[in-house]
Amino acid sequence: MKTEIMGVPFDNVTMDEAISHARELLAGSEPCYCVTPNSEIVYEAMRNPELLSVLRGAAMVLPDGAGVVLASKLLKTPLKEKVAGVDFADRLLALLCEQGGKVYLLGSAPGIAEQAAAKMVEKHPGLQICGMADGYFKDAAPVIEAINASMPDVLFVCLGAPKQEFFMRDHLGEIHAKLMIGLGGSLDSFAGTVKRAPKWMIKLNLEWFYRLLKQPSRLGRMMRLPKFLLAVLLRKDQKHG
């Protein structure tokens, strides 16, 4: 079931339901892609019709951020919970282990995917990582060729938004993977080069604040959050005014 937040149709699912849906998509016959927008990406999509169209074309749209969940409550269309992309990806790796499926890692800086792969296999023994490539490519053709040669079931696309969303849309018909997922900086989290917030902060929806403390350079990007929430409040007043 979809819940629209500022034009973006989110899947109103728990983490378990999201994994169940992923299982169905992997069993399907058509290749598809999944997006994990946070409030920054939704705010960009409000001003970029092409990005909004890409998000609306996804087989699954997961709310990756407390801002999106807060917006859903303010708009009186509450989402069940935040489904963080990195946690969804981790659960998906467990599913691939169970099914004997393969994953390809695309994105981040040179060497990061290798570090991420080592940590993934350590946590999920038996996981098949069939290939990897960093995100610093200019020509997509050889990258796509390498992906297809490895025959993955799932492709993690970690190129940052909106580059990863456009990549998935543009190459949906060319890439022979059942499911592509846009996951931003998740490979850095898996690799341990970017530390996630402590569990208590994640539980209190303060992960964004932890990131800001660790990377003050994110302040410009973070300013989209109050702008997004202001737009949500204005929309709420229009709806109920």
Protein backbone atom coordinates (compact mmCIF):
# COMPACT_ATOMS: atom_id res chain seq x y z
CA MET A 1 0.00 0.00 0.00
CA LYS A 2 1.36 3.41 -1.00
CA THR A 3 1.29 6.57 1.10
CA GLU A 4 2.05 9.77 -0.79
CA ILE A 5 4.29 12.30 0.94
CA MET A 6 4.80 15.56 -0.99
CA GLY A 7 4.25 13.77 -4.30
CA VAL A 8 6.44 10.74 -3.53
CA PRO A 9 4.51 7.44 -3.15
CA PHE A 10 6.15 5.62 -0.23
CA ASP A 11 5.49 1.97 0.55
CA ASN A 12 3.84 1.98 3.97
CA VAL A 13 5.71 -1.04 5.30
CA THR A 14 7.66 -2.32 8.28
CA MET A 15 11.18 -3.66 7.72
CA ASP A 16 9.83 -7.24 7.69
CA GLU A 17 7.20 -6.31 5.09
CA ALA A 18 9.83 -4.56 2.95
CA ILE A 19 11.96 -7.73 2.93
CA SER A 20 8.90 -9.80 2.09
CA HIS A 21 8.20 -7.49 -0.87
CA ALA A 22 11.85 -7.77 -1.97
CA ARG A 23 11.50 -11.55 -1.91
CA GLU A 24 8.50 -11.25 -4.27
CA LEU A 25 10.39 -8.90 -6.60
CA LEU A 26 13.34 -11.31 -6.76
CA ALA A 27 10.95 -14.11 -7.68
CA GLY A 28 9.33 -12.01 -10.43
CA SER A 29 10.20 -12.03 -14.11
CA GLU A 30 10.78 -8.29 -14.62
CA PRO A 31 13.92 -6.38 -13.53
CA CYS A 32 13.11 -3.42 -11.28
CA TYR A 33 14.65 -0.85 -8.95
CA CYS A 34 14.07 0.28 -5.39
CA VAL A 35 14.73 3.77 -3.97
CA THR A 36 15.31 4.85 -0.37
CA PRO A 37 14.54 8.61 -0.22
CA ASN A 38 15.13 10.68 2.89
CA SER A 39 13.67 14.17 3.36
CA GLU A 40 16.57 15.77 1.43
CA ILE A 41 15.77 13.69 -1.64
CA VAL A 42 12.02 14.32 -1.34
CA TYR A 43 12.74 18.06 -1.09
CA GLU A 44 14.87 17.85 -4.26
CA ALA A 45 12.11 15.88 -6.02
CA MET A 46 9.60 18.62 -5.15
CA ARG A 47 11.72 20.98 -7.27
CA ASN A 48 12.93 18.48 -9.90
CA PRO A 49 10.12 16.83 -11.92
CA GLU A 50 12.57 14.39 -13.54
CA LEU A 51 13.75 13.09 -10.16
CA LEU A 52 10.15 12.85 -8.95
CA SER A 53 9.31 10.78 -12.04
CA VAL A 54 12.21 8.38 -11.30
CA LEU A 55 11.07 7.95 -7.69
CA ARG A 56 7.50 7.32 -8.83
CA GLY A 57 8.74 4.68 -11.29
CA ALA A 58 10.39 2.56 -8.57
CA ALA A 59 8.99 -0.85 -7.64
CA MET A 60 9.57 -0.02 -3.98
CA VAL A 61 10.00 3.36 -2.24
CA LEU A 62 11.29 3.06 1.33
CA PRO A 63 11.25 5.93 3.88
CA ASP A 64 14.92 6.29 4.78
CA GLY A 65 14.77 9.03 7.37
CA ALA A 66 13.03 10.38 10.45
CA GLY A 67 12.09 13.54 8.53
CA VAL A 68 9.91 11.59 6.09
CA VAL A 69 8.18 9.71 8.93
CA LEU A 70 7.59 12.99 10.81
CA ALA A 71 6.15 14.54 7.63
CA SER A 72 3.78 11.60 7.23
CA LYS A 73 2.46 12.20 10.77
CA LEU A 74 2.08 15.94 10.23
CA LEU A 75 0.11 15.25 7.04
CA LYS A 76 -2.13 12.79 8.93
CA THR A 77 -1.00 9.91 6.69
CA PRO A 78 1.40 8.17 9.10
CA LEU A 79 3.93 5.68 7.82
CA LYS A 80 4.45 2.54 9.94
CA GLU A 81 8.16 3.13 10.53
CA LYS A 82 11.45 4.36 9.14
CA VAL A 83 13.06 1.72 6.91
CA ALA A 84 16.71 2.78 6.73
CA GLY A 85 18.39 1.81 3.47
CA VAL A 86 21.53 0.42 5.12
CA ASP A 87 19.47 -1.78 7.49
CA PHE A 88 17.26 -2.95 4.61
CA ALA A 89 20.40 -3.79 2.61
CA ASP A 90 21.79 -5.81 5.52
CA ARG A 91 18.55 -7.80 5.85
CA LEU A 92 18.57 -8.36 2.09
CA LEU A 93 22.06 -9.86 2.31
CA ALA A 94 20.69 -12.38 4.83
CA LEU A 95 17.88 -13.20 2.37
CA LEU A 96 20.39 -13.71 -0.47
CA CYS A 97 22.40 -16.06 1.77
CA GLU A 98 19.26 -18.05 2.46
CA GLN A 99 18.37 -18.23 -1.26
CA GLY A 100 21.90 -18.68 -2.61
CA GLY A 101 21.59 -15.38 -4.50
CA LYS A 102 24.40 -13.06 -5.59
CA VAL A 103 25.02 -9.35 -5.04
CA TYR A 104 27.20 -6.85 -6.94
CA LEU A 105 28.50 -3.73 -5.17
CA LEU A 106 28.72 -0.52 -7.19
CA GLY A 107 29.83 2.83 -5.84
CA SER A 108 31.80 4.80 -3.28
CA ALA A 109 35.54 5.57 -3.46
CA PRO A 110 38.14 3.06 -4.72
CA GLY A 111 38.79 0.33 -2.14
CA ILE A 112 35.63 0.94 -0.09
CA ALA A 113 33.57 -1.80 -1.76
CA GLU A 114 36.33 -4.32 -1.00
CA GLN A 115 36.31 -3.33 2.70
CA ALA A 116 32.50 -3.46 2.74
CA ALA A 117 32.52 -6.89 1.08
CA ALA A 118 34.87 -8.29 3.73
CA LYS A 119 32.59 -7.05 6.55
CA MET A 120 29.47 -8.33 4.78
CA VAL A 121 30.89 -11.84 4.37
CA GLU A 122 32.11 -11.79 7.98
CA LYS A 123 28.54 -11.10 9.16
CA HIS A 124 26.84 -13.31 6.54
CA PRO A 125 29.07 -16.37 5.96
CA GLY A 126 28.38 -17.94 2.58
CA LEU A 127 27.25 -14.66 1.00
CA GLN A 128 28.12 -14.56 -2.71
CA ILE A 129 29.50 -11.15 -3.72
CA CYS A 130 29.99 -11.64 -7.44
CA GLY A 131 31.75 -8.37 -8.23
CA MET A 132 32.36 -4.74 -7.33
CA ALA A 133 33.31 -1.42 -8.90
CA ASP A 134 33.84 2.05 -7.47
CA GLY A 135 31.62 4.99 -8.38
CA TYR A 136 34.31 7.01 -10.15
CA PHE A 137 33.51 6.00 -13.73
CA LYS A 138 32.79 8.30 -16.66
CA ASP A 139 31.55 5.69 -19.12
CA ALA A 140 28.83 3.37 -17.85
CA ALA A 141 29.15 0.83 -20.70
CA PRO A 142 32.16 -1.18 -19.37
CA VAL A 143 30.70 -1.09 -15.85
CA ILE A 144 27.38 -2.52 -17.10
CA GLU A 145 29.28 -5.15 -19.10
CA ALA A 146 31.17 -6.22 -15.95
CA ILE A 147 27.95 -6.34 -13.91
CA ASN A 148 26.17 -8.49 -16.50
CA ALA A 149 29.16 -10.84 -16.79
CA SER A 150 28.88 -11.50 -13.02
CA MET A 151 25.14 -12.32 -13.23
CA PRO A 152 24.00 -10.77 -9.91
CA ASP A 153 20.49 -11.14 -8.53
CA VAL A 154 20.81 -7.82 -6.68
CA LEU A 155 22.82 -4.70 -7.52
CA PHE A 156 23.64 -2.20 -4.75
CA VAL A 157 23.94 1.21 -6.45
CA CYS A 158 25.76 3.57 -4.09
CA LEU A 159 26.44 6.63 -6.24
CA GLY A 160 24.65 9.25 -4.13
CA ALA A 161 21.37 10.96 -5.00
CA PRO A 162 20.17 11.79 -7.58
CA LYS A 163 22.96 10.19 -9.67
CA GLN A 164 22.11 6.65 -8.50
CA GLU A 165 18.38 7.08 -9.19
CA PHE A 166 19.03 8.30 -12.75
CA PHE A 167 21.57 5.49 -13.29
CA MET A 168 19.00 2.85 -12.32
CA ARG A 169 16.30 4.36 -14.52
CA ASP A 170 18.58 4.87 -17.52
CA HIS A 171 20.01 1.34 -17.47
CA LEU A 172 17.03 -0.67 -16.23
CA GLY A 173 16.68 -2.46 -19.58
CA GLU A 174 20.43 -3.11 -19.95
CA ILE A 175 21.43 -4.45 -16.52
CA HIS A 176 20.64 -8.12 -15.97
CA ALA A 177 19.89 -7.99 -12.25
CA LYS A 178 16.46 -8.71 -10.83
CA LEU A 179 16.63 -5.85 -8.33
CA MET A 180 18.70 -2.66 -8.19
CA ILE A 181 18.68 -0.58 -4.99
CA GLY A 182 19.86 3.01 -4.57
CA LEU A 183 21.72 3.10 -1.25
CA GLY A 184 23.72 6.35 -1.09
CA GLY A 185 26.66 6.06 1.31
CA SER A 186 25.76 2.59 2.61
CA LEU A 187 28.99 0.97 1.42
CA ASP A 188 30.93 3.38 3.66
CA SER A 189 28.75 2.28 6.59
CA PHE A 190 29.31 -1.40 5.81
CA ALA A 191 33.06 -0.78 5.42
CA GLY A 192 33.17 1.07 8.74
CA THR A 193 34.81 4.17 7.21
CA VAL A 194 31.72 6.18 8.22
CA LYS A 195 30.44 5.23 11.66
CA ARG A 196 26.69 5.03 12.25
CA ALA A 197 25.13 6.75 15.23
CA PRO A 198 24.85 4.84 18.53
CA LYS A 199 21.69 2.72 18.76
CA TRP A 200 20.07 5.05 21.31
CA MET A 201 20.41 7.98 18.89
CA ILE A 202 18.97 5.93 16.01
CA LYS A 203 16.04 4.96 18.26
CA LEU A 204 15.41 8.64 19.09
CA ASN A 205 15.61 9.56 15.37
CA LEU A 206 18.76 11.62 15.97
CA GLU A 207 20.97 9.89 13.38
CA TRP A 208 20.94 13.06 11.26
CA PHE A 209 22.31 15.06 14.23
CA TYR A 210 25.11 12.53 14.80
CA ARG A 211 26.09 12.77 11.12
CA LEU A 212 26.16 16.55 11.36
CA LEU A 213 28.42 16.42 14.43
CA LYS A 214 30.78 14.04 12.61
CA GLN A 215 30.64 15.91 9.28
CA PRO A 216 29.95 19.64 9.82
CA SER A 217 30.39 20.10 6.04
CA ARG A 218 26.92 18.49 5.70
CA LEU A 219 25.29 21.61 7.19
CA GLY A 220 24.33 23.01 3.76
CA ARG A 221 22.61 19.75 2.82
CA MET A 222 21.01 19.48 6.26
CA MET A 223 19.34 22.87 5.76
CA ARG A 224 17.00 21.12 3.34
CA LEU A 225 15.37 19.35 6.30
CA PRO A 226 13.82 22.48 7.89
CA LYS A 227 12.86 23.73 4.40
CA PHE A 228 11.19 20.38 3.70
CA LEU A 229 9.29 20.42 7.02
CA LEU A 230 8.18 24.02 6.39
CA ALA A 231 6.82 22.94 2.97
CA VAL A 232 5.02 20.03 4.71
CA LEU A 233 3.43 22.40 7.26
CA LEU A 234 2.29 24.72 4.46
CA ARG A 235 0.79 21.73 2.61
CA LYS A 236 -0.94 20.63 5.83
CA ASP A 237 -2.47 24.12 6.27
CA GLN A 238 -3.71 24.04 2.65
CA LYS A 239 -5.27 20.61 3.16
CA HIS A 240 -6.92 21.40 6.48
CA GLY A 241 -7.29 25.16 6.17
